[in-house]
mmCIF file of all heavy atoms, coordinates in Angstrom:
data_MODEL
# 
_entry.id   MODEL 
# 
loop_
_atom_site.group_PDB 
_atom_site.id 
_atom_site.type_symbol 
_atom_site.label_atom_id 
_atom_site.label_alt_id 
_atom_site.label_comp_id 
_atom_site.label_asym_id 
_atom_site.label_entity_id 
_atom_site.label_seq_id 
_atom_site.pdbx_PDB_ins_code 
_atom_site.Cartn_x 
_atom_site.Cartn_y 
_atom_site.Cartn_z 
_atom_site.occupancy 
_atom_site.B_iso_or_equiv 
_atom_site.pdbx_formal_charge 
_atom_site.auth_seq_id 
_atom_site.auth_comp_id 
_atom_site.auth_asym_id 
_atom_site.auth_atom_id 
_atom_site.pdbx_PDB_model_num 
ATOM 1   N N   . THR A 1 1  ? -0.758  -13.786 5.428  1.00 0.00 ? 1  THR A N   1 
ATOM 2   C CA  . THR A 1 1  ? -1.295  -14.890 6.218  1.00 0.00 ? 1  THR A CA  1 
ATOM 3   C C   . THR A 1 1  ? -1.121  -16.229 5.479  1.00 0.00 ? 1  THR A C   1 
ATOM 4   O O   . THR A 1 1  ? -1.058  -16.224 4.278  1.00 0.00 ? 1  THR A O   1 
ATOM 5   C CB  . THR A 1 1  ? -2.835  -14.646 6.437  1.00 0.00 ? 1  THR A CB  1 
ATOM 6   O OG1 . THR A 1 1  ? -3.458  -14.511 5.182  1.00 0.00 ? 1  THR A OG1 1 
ATOM 7   C CG2 . THR A 1 1  ? -3.055  -13.416 7.269  1.00 0.00 ? 1  THR A CG2 1 
ATOM 8   N N   . ASN A 1 2  ? -1.002  -17.260 6.241  1.00 0.00 ? 2  ASN A N   1 
ATOM 9   C CA  . ASN A 1 2  ? -0.769  -18.578 5.690  1.00 0.00 ? 2  ASN A CA  1 
ATOM 10  C C   . ASN A 1 2  ? -1.974  -19.503 5.949  1.00 0.00 ? 2  ASN A C   1 
ATOM 11  O O   . ASN A 1 2  ? -1.812  -20.589 6.509  1.00 0.00 ? 2  ASN A O   1 
ATOM 12  C CB  . ASN A 1 2  ? 0.510   -19.154 6.233  1.00 0.00 ? 2  ASN A CB  1 
ATOM 13  C CG  . ASN A 1 2  ? 1.729   -18.357 5.837  1.00 0.00 ? 2  ASN A CG  1 
ATOM 14  O OD1 . ASN A 1 2  ? 1.949   -18.070 4.662  1.00 0.00 ? 2  ASN A OD1 1 
ATOM 15  N ND2 . ASN A 1 2  ? 2.519   -17.941 6.829  1.00 0.00 ? 2  ASN A ND2 1 
ATOM 16  N N   . ILE A 1 3  ? -3.139  -19.022 5.603  1.00 0.00 ? 3  ILE A N   1 
ATOM 17  C CA  . ILE A 1 3  ? -4.364  -19.830 5.775  1.00 0.00 ? 3  ILE A CA  1 
ATOM 18  C C   . ILE A 1 3  ? -4.334  -20.947 4.719  1.00 0.00 ? 3  ILE A C   1 
ATOM 19  O O   . ILE A 1 3  ? -3.962  -20.740 3.565  1.00 0.00 ? 3  ILE A O   1 
ATOM 20  C CB  . ILE A 1 3  ? -5.615  -19.010 5.585  1.00 0.00 ? 3  ILE A CB  1 
ATOM 21  C CG1 . ILE A 1 3  ? -5.595  -17.766 6.501  1.00 0.00 ? 3  ILE A CG1 1 
ATOM 22  C CG2 . ILE A 1 3  ? -6.852  -19.843 5.792  1.00 0.00 ? 3  ILE A CG2 1 
ATOM 23  C CD1 . ILE A 1 3  ? -5.643  -18.136 7.977  1.00 0.00 ? 3  ILE A CD1 1 
ATOM 24  N N   . ILE A 1 4  ? -4.674  -22.154 5.186  1.00 0.00 ? 4  ILE A N   1 
ATOM 25  C CA  . ILE A 1 4  ? -4.643  -23.293 4.253  1.00 0.00 ? 4  ILE A CA  1 
ATOM 26  C C   . ILE A 1 4  ? -5.609  -23.120 3.104  1.00 0.00 ? 4  ILE A C   1 
ATOM 27  O O   . ILE A 1 4  ? -6.625  -22.436 3.204  1.00 0.00 ? 4  ILE A O   1 
ATOM 28  C CB  . ILE A 1 4  ? -4.969  -24.655 4.999  1.00 0.00 ? 4  ILE A CB  1 
ATOM 29  C CG1 . ILE A 1 4  ? -6.385  -24.544 5.617  1.00 0.00 ? 4  ILE A CG1 1 
ATOM 30  C CG2 . ILE A 1 4  ? -3.972  -24.928 6.044  1.00 0.00 ? 4  ILE A CG2 1 
ATOM 31  C CD1 . ILE A 1 4  ? -6.806  -25.828 6.267  1.00 0.00 ? 4  ILE A CD1 1 
ATOM 32  N N   . ASN A 1 5  ? -5.229  -23.673 1.982  1.00 0.00 ? 5  ASN A N   1 
ATOM 33  C CA  . ASN A 1 5  ? -6.033  -23.554 0.785  1.00 0.00 ? 5  ASN A CA  1 
ATOM 34  C C   . ASN A 1 5  ? -7.082  -24.722 0.753  1.00 0.00 ? 5  ASN A C   1 
ATOM 35  O O   . ASN A 1 5  ? -6.706  -25.863 0.611  1.00 0.00 ? 5  ASN A O   1 
ATOM 36  C CB  . ASN A 1 5  ? -5.118  -23.614 -0.445 1.00 0.00 ? 5  ASN A CB  1 
ATOM 37  C CG  . ASN A 1 5  ? -5.912  -23.408 -1.734 1.00 0.00 ? 5  ASN A CG  1 
ATOM 38  O OD1 . ASN A 1 5  ? -7.028  -22.895 -1.718 1.00 0.00 ? 5  ASN A OD1 1 
ATOM 39  N ND2 . ASN A 1 5  ? -5.286  -23.743 -2.873 1.00 0.00 ? 5  ASN A ND2 1 
ATOM 40  N N   . THR A 1 6  ? -8.300  -24.358 0.883  1.00 0.00 ? 6  THR A N   1 
ATOM 41  C CA  . THR A 1 6  ? -9.350  -25.354 0.876  1.00 0.00 ? 6  THR A CA  1 
ATOM 42  C C   . THR A 1 6  ? -10.631 -24.743 0.349  1.00 0.00 ? 6  THR A C   1 
ATOM 43  O O   . THR A 1 6  ? -10.944 -23.559 0.601  1.00 0.00 ? 6  THR A O   1 
ATOM 44  C CB  . THR A 1 6  ? -9.613  -25.943 2.289  1.00 0.00 ? 6  THR A CB  1 
ATOM 45  O OG1 . THR A 1 6  ? -10.810 -26.743 2.232  1.00 0.00 ? 6  THR A OG1 1 
ATOM 46  C CG2 . THR A 1 6  ? -9.800  -24.853 3.321  1.00 0.00 ? 6  THR A CG2 1 
ATOM 47  N N   . ASN A 1 7  ? -11.450 -25.529 -0.388 1.00 0.00 ? 7  ASN A N   1 
ATOM 48  C CA  . ASN A 1 7  ? -12.687 -24.986 -0.889 1.00 0.00 ? 7  ASN A CA  1 
ATOM 49  C C   . ASN A 1 7  ? -13.768 -24.853 0.153  1.00 0.00 ? 7  ASN A C   1 
ATOM 50  O O   . ASN A 1 7  ? -14.885 -24.389 -0.158 1.00 0.00 ? 7  ASN A O   1 
ATOM 51  C CB  . ASN A 1 7  ? -13.171 -25.863 -2.094 1.00 0.00 ? 7  ASN A CB  1 
ATOM 52  C CG  . ASN A 1 7  ? -13.347 -27.303 -1.700 1.00 0.00 ? 7  ASN A CG  1 
ATOM 53  O OD1 . ASN A 1 7  ? -13.346 -27.682 -0.479 1.00 0.00 ? 7  ASN A OD1 1 
ATOM 54  N ND2 . ASN A 1 7  ? -13.527 -28.194 -2.679 1.00 0.00 ? 7  ASN A ND2 1 
ATOM 55  N N   . LYS A 1 8  ? -13.446 -25.279 1.369  1.00 0.00 ? 8  LYS A N   1 
ATOM 56  C CA  . LYS A 1 8  ? -14.390 -25.041 2.476  1.00 0.00 ? 8  LYS A CA  1 
ATOM 57  C C   . LYS A 1 8  ? -14.497 -23.573 2.863  1.00 0.00 ? 8  LYS A C   1 
ATOM 58  O O   . LYS A 1 8  ? -15.497 -23.125 3.463  1.00 0.00 ? 8  LYS A O   1 
ATOM 59  C CB  . LYS A 1 8  ? -14.009 -25.861 3.694  1.00 0.00 ? 8  LYS A CB  1 
ATOM 60  C CG  . LYS A 1 8  ? -14.154 -27.375 3.532  1.00 0.00 ? 8  LYS A CG  1 
ATOM 61  C CD  . LYS A 1 8  ? -13.774 -28.118 4.766  1.00 0.00 ? 8  LYS A CD  1 
ATOM 62  C CE  . LYS A 1 8  ? -12.266 -28.125 5.012  1.00 0.00 ? 8  LYS A CE  1 
ATOM 63  N NZ  . LYS A 1 8  ? -11.855 -28.995 6.092  1.00 0.00 ? 8  LYS A NZ  1 
ATOM 64  N N   . ILE A 1 9  ? -13.455 -22.793 2.560  1.00 0.00 ? 9  ILE A N   1 
ATOM 65  C CA  . ILE A 1 9  ? -13.431 -21.413 2.899  1.00 0.00 ? 9  ILE A CA  1 
ATOM 66  C C   . ILE A 1 9  ? -14.122 -20.587 1.836  1.00 0.00 ? 9  ILE A C   1 
ATOM 67  O O   . ILE A 1 9  ? -13.727 -20.595 0.662  1.00 0.00 ? 9  ILE A O   1 
ATOM 68  C CB  . ILE A 1 9  ? -11.987 -20.918 3.079  1.00 0.00 ? 9  ILE A CB  1 
ATOM 69  C CG1 . ILE A 1 9  ? -11.290 -21.680 4.213  1.00 0.00 ? 9  ILE A CG1 1 
ATOM 70  C CG2 . ILE A 1 9  ? -11.952 -19.377 3.359  1.00 0.00 ? 9  ILE A CG2 1 
ATOM 71  C CD1 . ILE A 1 9  ? -9.804  -21.297 4.364  1.00 0.00 ? 9  ILE A CD1 1 
ATOM 72  N N   . VAL A 1 10 ? -15.205 -19.937 2.199  1.00 0.00 ? 10 VAL A N   1 
ATOM 73  C CA  . VAL A 1 10 ? -15.938 -19.137 1.252  1.00 0.00 ? 10 VAL A CA  1 
ATOM 74  C C   . VAL A 1 10 ? -15.429 -17.688 1.149  1.00 0.00 ? 10 VAL A C   1 
ATOM 75  O O   . VAL A 1 10 ? -15.582 -17.014 0.093  1.00 0.00 ? 10 VAL A O   1 
ATOM 76  C CB  . VAL A 1 10 ? -17.460 -19.114 1.558  1.00 0.00 ? 10 VAL A CB  1 
ATOM 77  C CG1 . VAL A 1 10 ? -18.037 -20.516 1.482  1.00 0.00 ? 10 VAL A CG1 1 
ATOM 78  C CG2 . VAL A 1 10 ? -17.706 -18.501 2.954  1.00 0.00 ? 10 VAL A CG2 1 
ATOM 79  N N   . SER A 1 11 ? -14.812 -17.225 2.217  1.00 0.00 ? 11 SER A N   1 
ATOM 80  C CA  . SER A 1 11 ? -14.248 -15.830 2.176  1.00 0.00 ? 11 SER A CA  1 
ATOM 81  C C   . SER A 1 11 ? -13.311 -15.651 3.335  1.00 0.00 ? 11 SER A C   1 
ATOM 82  O O   . SER A 1 11 ? -13.442 -16.208 4.431  1.00 0.00 ? 11 SER A O   1 
ATOM 83  C CB  . SER A 1 11 ? -15.418 -14.805 2.291  1.00 0.00 ? 11 SER A CB  1 
ATOM 84  O OG  . SER A 1 11 ? -14.916 -13.504 2.263  1.00 0.00 ? 11 SER A OG  1 
ATOM 85  N N   . ILE A 1 12 ? -12.272 -14.806 3.082  1.00 0.00 ? 12 ILE A N   1 
ATOM 86  C CA  . ILE A 1 12 ? -11.382 -14.380 4.154  1.00 0.00 ? 12 ILE A CA  1 
ATOM 87  C C   . ILE A 1 12 ? -11.421 -12.862 4.175  1.00 0.00 ? 12 ILE A C   1 
ATOM 88  O O   . ILE A 1 12 ? -11.084 -12.196 3.213  1.00 0.00 ? 12 ILE A O   1 
ATOM 89  C CB  . ILE A 1 12 ? -9.912  -14.826 3.870  1.00 0.00 ? 12 ILE A CB  1 
ATOM 90  C CG1 . ILE A 1 12 ? -9.854  -16.346 3.824  1.00 0.00 ? 12 ILE A CG1 1 
ATOM 91  C CG2 . ILE A 1 12 ? -8.986  -14.294 4.975  1.00 0.00 ? 12 ILE A CG2 1 
ATOM 92  C CD1 . ILE A 1 12 ? -8.427  -16.892 3.506  1.00 0.00 ? 12 ILE A CD1 1 
ATOM 93  N N   . GLU A 1 13 ? -11.911 -12.320 5.296  1.00 0.00 ? 13 GLU A N   1 
ATOM 94  C CA  . GLU A 1 13 ? -12.078 -10.852 5.438  1.00 0.00 ? 13 GLU A CA  1 
ATOM 95  C C   . GLU A 1 13 ? -11.082 -10.317 6.459  1.00 0.00 ? 13 GLU A C   1 
ATOM 96  O O   . GLU A 1 13 ? -10.582 -11.051 7.286  1.00 0.00 ? 13 GLU A O   1 
ATOM 97  C CB  . GLU A 1 13 ? -13.476 -10.524 5.890  1.00 0.00 ? 13 GLU A CB  1 
ATOM 98  C CG  . GLU A 1 13 ? -14.593 -11.078 5.006  1.00 0.00 ? 13 GLU A CG  1 
ATOM 99  C CD  . GLU A 1 13 ? -14.666 -10.410 3.657  1.00 0.00 ? 13 GLU A CD  1 
ATOM 100 O OE1 . GLU A 1 13 ? -14.158 -9.245  3.530  1.00 0.00 ? 13 GLU A OE1 1 
ATOM 101 O OE2 . GLU A 1 13 ? -15.266 -10.964 2.727  1.00 0.00 ? 13 GLU A OE2 1 
ATOM 102 N N   . GLN A 1 14 ? -10.797 -9.009  6.344  1.00 0.00 ? 14 GLN A N   1 
ATOM 103 C CA  . GLN A 1 14 ? -9.905  -8.359  7.268  1.00 0.00 ? 14 GLN A CA  1 
ATOM 104 C C   . GLN A 1 14 ? -10.617 -7.167  7.905  1.00 0.00 ? 14 GLN A C   1 
ATOM 105 O O   . GLN A 1 14 ? -11.325 -6.431  7.228  1.00 0.00 ? 14 GLN A O   1 
ATOM 106 C CB  . GLN A 1 14 ? -8.615  -7.861  6.564  1.00 0.00 ? 14 GLN A CB  1 
ATOM 107 C CG  . GLN A 1 14 ? -7.759  -8.948  6.037  1.00 0.00 ? 14 GLN A CG  1 
ATOM 108 C CD  . GLN A 1 14 ? -6.540  -8.417  5.290  1.00 0.00 ? 14 GLN A CD  1 
ATOM 109 O OE1 . GLN A 1 14 ? -6.637  -7.575  4.429  1.00 0.00 ? 14 GLN A OE1 1 
ATOM 110 N NE2 . GLN A 1 14 ? -5.348  -8.870  5.688  1.00 0.00 ? 14 GLN A NE2 1 
ATOM 111 N N   . VAL A 1 15 ? -10.411 -7.022  9.225  1.00 0.00 ? 15 VAL A N   1 
ATOM 112 C CA  . VAL A 1 15 ? -10.868 -5.836  9.931  1.00 0.00 ? 15 VAL A CA  1 
ATOM 113 C C   . VAL A 1 15 ? -9.666  -5.277  10.656 1.00 0.00 ? 15 VAL A C   1 
ATOM 114 O O   . VAL A 1 15 ? -8.776  -6.007  11.084 1.00 0.00 ? 15 VAL A O   1 
ATOM 115 C CB  . VAL A 1 15 ? -11.987 -6.149  10.920 1.00 0.00 ? 15 VAL A CB  1 
ATOM 116 C CG1 . VAL A 1 15 ? -13.238 -6.609  10.166 1.00 0.00 ? 15 VAL A CG1 1 
ATOM 117 C CG2 . VAL A 1 15 ? -11.583 -7.195  11.925 1.00 0.00 ? 15 VAL A CG2 1 
ATOM 118 N N   . PHE A 1 16 ? -9.650  -3.952  10.791 1.00 0.00 ? 16 PHE A N   1 
ATOM 119 C CA  . PHE A 1 16 ? -8.453  -3.301  11.271 1.00 0.00 ? 16 PHE A CA  1 
ATOM 120 C C   . PHE A 1 16 ? -8.665  -2.549  12.551 1.00 0.00 ? 16 PHE A C   1 
ATOM 121 O O   . PHE A 1 16 ? -9.700  -1.934  12.777 1.00 0.00 ? 16 PHE A O   1 
ATOM 122 C CB  . PHE A 1 16 ? -7.886  -2.343  10.199 1.00 0.00 ? 16 PHE A CB  1 
ATOM 123 C CG  . PHE A 1 16 ? -7.360  -3.097  8.960  1.00 0.00 ? 16 PHE A CG  1 
ATOM 124 C CD1 . PHE A 1 16 ? -8.191  -3.291  7.890  1.00 0.00 ? 16 PHE A CD1 1 
ATOM 125 C CD2 . PHE A 1 16 ? -6.068  -3.602  8.984  1.00 0.00 ? 16 PHE A CD2 1 
ATOM 126 C CE1 . PHE A 1 16 ? -7.724  -4.009  6.762  1.00 0.00 ? 16 PHE A CE1 1 
ATOM 127 C CE2 . PHE A 1 16 ? -5.615  -4.267  7.868  1.00 0.00 ? 16 PHE A CE2 1 
ATOM 128 C CZ  . PHE A 1 16 ? -6.433  -4.498  6.783  1.00 0.00 ? 16 PHE A CZ  1 
ATOM 129 N N   . ASP A 1 17 ? -7.647  -2.608  13.393 1.00 0.00 ? 17 ASP A N   1 
ATOM 130 C CA  . ASP A 1 17 ? -7.595  -1.900  14.697 1.00 0.00 ? 17 ASP A CA  1 
ATOM 131 C C   . ASP A 1 17 ? -6.618  -0.737  14.561 1.00 0.00 ? 17 ASP A C   1 
ATOM 132 O O   . ASP A 1 17 ? -5.520  -0.870  14.069 1.00 0.00 ? 17 ASP A O   1 
ATOM 133 C CB  . ASP A 1 17 ? -7.133  -2.901  15.778 1.00 0.00 ? 17 ASP A CB  1 
ATOM 134 C CG  . ASP A 1 17 ? -6.801  -2.205  17.067 1.00 0.00 ? 17 ASP A CG  1 
ATOM 135 O OD1 . ASP A 1 17 ? -7.386  -1.137  17.321 1.00 0.00 ? 17 ASP A OD1 1 
ATOM 136 O OD2 . ASP A 1 17 ? -5.917  -2.714  17.776 1.00 0.00 ? 17 ASP A OD2 1 
ATOM 137 N N   . PHE A 1 18 ? -7.101  0.421   15.002 1.00 0.00 ? 18 PHE A N   1 
ATOM 138 C CA  . PHE A 1 18 ? -6.272  1.596   14.853 1.00 0.00 ? 18 PHE A CA  1 
ATOM 139 C C   . PHE A 1 18 ? -5.556  1.983   16.167 1.00 0.00 ? 18 PHE A C   1 
ATOM 140 O O   . PHE A 1 18 ? -5.169  3.104   16.349 1.00 0.00 ? 18 PHE A O   1 
ATOM 141 C CB  . PHE A 1 18 ? -7.138  2.804   14.367 1.00 0.00 ? 18 PHE A CB  1 
ATOM 142 C CG  . PHE A 1 18 ? -7.580  2.604   12.960 1.00 0.00 ? 18 PHE A CG  1 
ATOM 143 C CD1 . PHE A 1 18 ? -8.738  1.880   12.684 1.00 0.00 ? 18 PHE A CD1 1 
ATOM 144 C CD2 . PHE A 1 18 ? -6.866  3.095   11.867 1.00 0.00 ? 18 PHE A CD2 1 
ATOM 145 C CE1 . PHE A 1 18 ? -9.167  1.714   11.345 1.00 0.00 ? 18 PHE A CE1 1 
ATOM 146 C CE2 . PHE A 1 18 ? -7.272  2.893   10.603 1.00 0.00 ? 18 PHE A CE2 1 
ATOM 147 C CZ  . PHE A 1 18 ? -8.421  2.221   10.333 1.00 0.00 ? 18 PHE A CZ  1 
ATOM 148 N N   . GLY A 1 19 ? -5.466  0.993   17.099 1.00 0.00 ? 19 GLY A N   1 
ATOM 149 C CA  . GLY A 1 19 ? -4.694  1.273   18.286 1.00 0.00 ? 19 GLY A CA  1 
ATOM 150 C C   . GLY A 1 19 ? -5.309  0.817   19.587 1.00 0.00 ? 19 GLY A C   1 
ATOM 151 O O   . GLY A 1 19 ? -4.628  0.525   20.563 1.00 0.00 ? 19 GLY A O   1 
ATOM 152 N N   . SER A 1 20 ? -6.657  0.743   19.653 1.00 0.00 ? 20 SER A N   1 
ATOM 153 C CA  . SER A 1 20 ? -7.270  0.473   20.932 1.00 0.00 ? 20 SER A CA  1 
ATOM 154 C C   . SER A 1 20 ? -7.387  -1.033  21.217 1.00 0.00 ? 20 SER A C   1 
ATOM 155 O O   . SER A 1 20 ? -7.632  -1.452  22.347 1.00 0.00 ? 20 SER A O   1 
ATOM 156 C CB  . SER A 1 20 ? -8.687  1.051   20.958 1.00 0.00 ? 20 SER A CB  1 
ATOM 157 O OG  . SER A 1 20 ? -9.531  0.381   20.087 1.00 0.00 ? 20 SER A OG  1 
ATOM 158 N N   . GLY A 1 21 ? -7.278  -1.874  20.184 1.00 0.00 ? 21 GLY A N   1 
ATOM 159 C CA  . GLY A 1 21 ? -7.473  -3.262  20.339 1.00 0.00 ? 21 GLY A CA  1 
ATOM 160 C C   . GLY A 1 21 ? -8.891  -3.746  20.169 1.00 0.00 ? 21 GLY A C   1 
ATOM 161 O O   . GLY A 1 21 ? -9.163  -4.919  20.150 1.00 0.00 ? 21 GLY A O   1 
ATOM 162 N N   . CYS A 1 22 ? -9.833  -2.797  20.033 1.00 0.00 ? 22 CYS A N   1 
ATOM 163 C CA  . CYS A 1 22 ? -11.237 -3.222  19.947 1.00 0.00 ? 22 CYS A CA  1 
ATOM 164 C C   . CYS A 1 22 ? -12.061 -2.301  19.055 1.00 0.00 ? 22 CYS A C   1 
ATOM 165 O O   . CYS A 1 22 ? -13.273 -2.370  19.056 1.00 0.00 ? 22 CYS A O   1 
ATOM 166 C CB  . CYS A 1 22 ? -11.858 -3.316  21.311 1.00 0.00 ? 22 CYS A CB  1 
ATOM 167 S SG  . CYS A 1 22 ? -11.835 -1.783  22.253 1.00 0.00 ? 22 CYS A SG  1 
ATOM 168 N N   . ILE A 1 23 ? -11.422 -1.419  18.311 1.00 0.00 ? 23 ILE A N   1 
ATOM 169 C CA  . ILE A 1 23 ? -12.169 -0.391  17.549 1.00 0.00 ? 23 ILE A CA  1 
ATOM 170 C C   . ILE A 1 23 ? -13.116 -1.023  16.508 1.00 0.00 ? 23 ILE A C   1 
ATOM 171 O O   . ILE A 1 23 ? -14.173 -0.509  16.227 1.00 0.00 ? 23 ILE A O   1 
ATOM 172 C CB  . ILE A 1 23 ? -11.206 0.595   16.871 1.00 0.00 ? 23 ILE A CB  1 
ATOM 173 C CG1 . ILE A 1 23 ? -11.961 1.793   16.296 1.00 0.00 ? 23 ILE A CG1 1 
ATOM 174 C CG2 . ILE A 1 23 ? -10.381 -0.084  15.758 1.00 0.00 ? 23 ILE A CG2 1 
ATOM 175 C CD1 . ILE A 1 23 ? -12.570 2.704   17.303 1.00 0.00 ? 23 ILE A CD1 1 
ATOM 176 N N   . CYS A 1 24 ? -12.726 -2.198  15.957 1.00 0.00 ? 24 CYS A N   1 
ATOM 177 C CA  . CYS A 1 24 ? -13.525 -2.776  14.921 1.00 0.00 ? 24 CYS A CA  1 
ATOM 178 C C   . CYS A 1 24 ? -14.839 -3.305  15.467 1.00 0.00 ? 24 CYS A C   1 
ATOM 179 O O   . CYS A 1 24 ? -15.773 -3.599  14.740 1.00 0.00 ? 24 CYS A O   1 
ATOM 180 C CB  . CYS A 1 24 ? -12.745 -3.902  14.210 1.00 0.00 ? 24 CYS A CB  1 
ATOM 181 S SG  . CYS A 1 24 ? -12.463 -5.332  15.231 1.00 0.00 ? 24 CYS A SG  1 
ATOM 182 N N   . CYS A 1 25 ? -14.936 -3.431  16.830 1.00 0.00 ? 25 CYS A N   1 
ATOM 183 C CA  . CYS A 1 25 ? -16.144 -3.975  17.434 1.00 0.00 ? 25 CYS A CA  1 
ATOM 184 C C   . CYS A 1 25 ? -17.091 -2.894  17.914 1.00 0.00 ? 25 CYS A C   1 
ATOM 185 O O   . CYS A 1 25 ? -18.123 -3.165  18.457 1.00 0.00 ? 25 CYS A O   1 
ATOM 186 C CB  . CYS A 1 25 ? -15.765 -4.834  18.646 1.00 0.00 ? 25 CYS A CB  1 
ATOM 187 S SG  . CYS A 1 25 ? -14.739 -6.251  18.227 1.00 0.00 ? 25 CYS A SG  1 
ATOM 188 N N   . SER A 1 26 ? -16.735 -1.657  17.676 1.00 0.00 ? 26 SER A N   1 
ATOM 189 C CA  . SER A 1 26 ? -17.590 -0.531  18.038 1.00 0.00 ? 26 SER A CA  1 
ATOM 190 C C   . SER A 1 26 ? -18.841 -0.566  17.157 1.00 0.00 ? 26 SER A C   1 
ATOM 191 O O   . SER A 1 26 ? -18.875 -1.207  16.120 1.00 0.00 ? 26 SER A O   1 
ATOM 192 C CB  . SER A 1 26 ? -16.863 0.775   17.861 1.00 0.00 ? 26 SER A CB  1 
ATOM 193 O OG  . SER A 1 26 ? -16.535 1.033   16.507 1.00 0.00 ? 26 SER A OG  1 
ATOM 194 N N   . PRO A 1 27 ? -19.901 0.178   17.549 1.00 0.00 ? 27 PRO A N   1 
ATOM 195 C CA  . PRO A 1 27 ? -21.147 0.140   16.748 1.00 0.00 ? 27 PRO A CA  1 
ATOM 196 C C   . PRO A 1 27 ? -20.937 0.494   15.264 1.00 0.00 ? 27 PRO A C   1 
ATOM 197 O O   . PRO A 1 27 ? -21.694 -0.020  14.411 1.00 0.00 ? 27 PRO A O   1 
ATOM 198 C CB  . PRO A 1 27 ? -21.970 1.208   17.428 1.00 0.00 ? 27 PRO A CB  1 
ATOM 199 C CG  . PRO A 1 27 ? -21.557 1.159   18.842 1.00 0.00 ? 27 PRO A CG  1 
ATOM 200 C CD  . PRO A 1 27 ? -20.074 0.954   18.793 1.00 0.00 ? 27 PRO A CD  1 
ATOM 201 N N   . ASP A 1 28 ? -19.926 1.303   14.968 1.00 0.00 ? 28 ASP A N   1 
ATOM 202 C CA  . ASP A 1 28 ? -19.672 1.646   13.564 1.00 0.00 ? 28 ASP A CA  1 
ATOM 203 C C   . ASP A 1 28 ? -18.465 0.933   13.058 1.00 0.00 ? 28 ASP A C   1 
ATOM 204 O O   . ASP A 1 28 ? -17.876 1.320   11.981 1.00 0.00 ? 28 ASP A O   1 
ATOM 205 C CB  . ASP A 1 28 ? -19.506 3.187   13.436 1.00 0.00 ? 28 ASP A CB  1 
ATOM 206 C CG  . ASP A 1 28 ? -20.779 3.913   13.775 1.00 0.00 ? 28 ASP A CG  1 
ATOM 207 O OD1 . ASP A 1 28 ? -21.873 3.416   13.405 1.00 0.00 ? 28 ASP A OD1 1 
ATOM 208 O OD2 . ASP A 1 28 ? -20.690 4.983   14.395 1.00 0.00 ? 28 ASP A OD2 1 
ATOM 209 N N   . GLY A 1 29 ? -17.954 -0.025  13.764 1.00 0.00 ? 29 GLY A N   1 
ATOM 210 C CA  . GLY A 1 29 ? -16.700 -0.689  13.422 1.00 0.00 ? 29 GLY A CA  1 
ATOM 211 C C   . GLY A 1 29 ? -16.858 -1.658  12.232 1.00 0.00 ? 29 GLY A C   1 
ATOM 212 O O   . GLY A 1 29 ? -17.965 -2.091  11.875 1.00 0.00 ? 29 GLY A O   1 
ATOM 213 N N   . ASP A 1 30 ? -15.691 -1.981  11.663 1.00 0.00 ? 30 ASP A N   1 
ATOM 214 C CA  . ASP A 1 30 ? -15.644 -2.879  10.491 1.00 0.00 ? 30 ASP A CA  1 
ATOM 215 C C   . ASP A 1 30 ? -16.323 -4.219  10.777 1.00 0.00 ? 30 ASP A C   1 
ATOM 216 O O   . ASP A 1 30 ? -17.060 -4.750  9.949  1.00 0.00 ? 30 ASP A O   1 
ATOM 217 C CB  . ASP A 1 30 ? -14.206 -3.110  10.079 1.00 0.00 ? 30 ASP A CB  1 
ATOM 218 C CG  . ASP A 1 30 ? -13.559 -1.844  9.516  1.00 0.00 ? 30 ASP A CG  1 
ATOM 219 O OD1 . ASP A 1 30 ? -14.304 -0.940  9.151  1.00 0.00 ? 30 ASP A OD1 1 
ATOM 220 O OD2 . ASP A 1 30 ? -12.315 -1.847  9.401  1.00 0.00 ? 30 ASP A OD2 1 
# 
């Protein structure tokens, strides 16, 4: 990823989809 470098960003996190397009949003999702 090419996110700009700035001290305003406190964290960059990643969540992953295993095929459905919405798995990370399930009750137990990332």
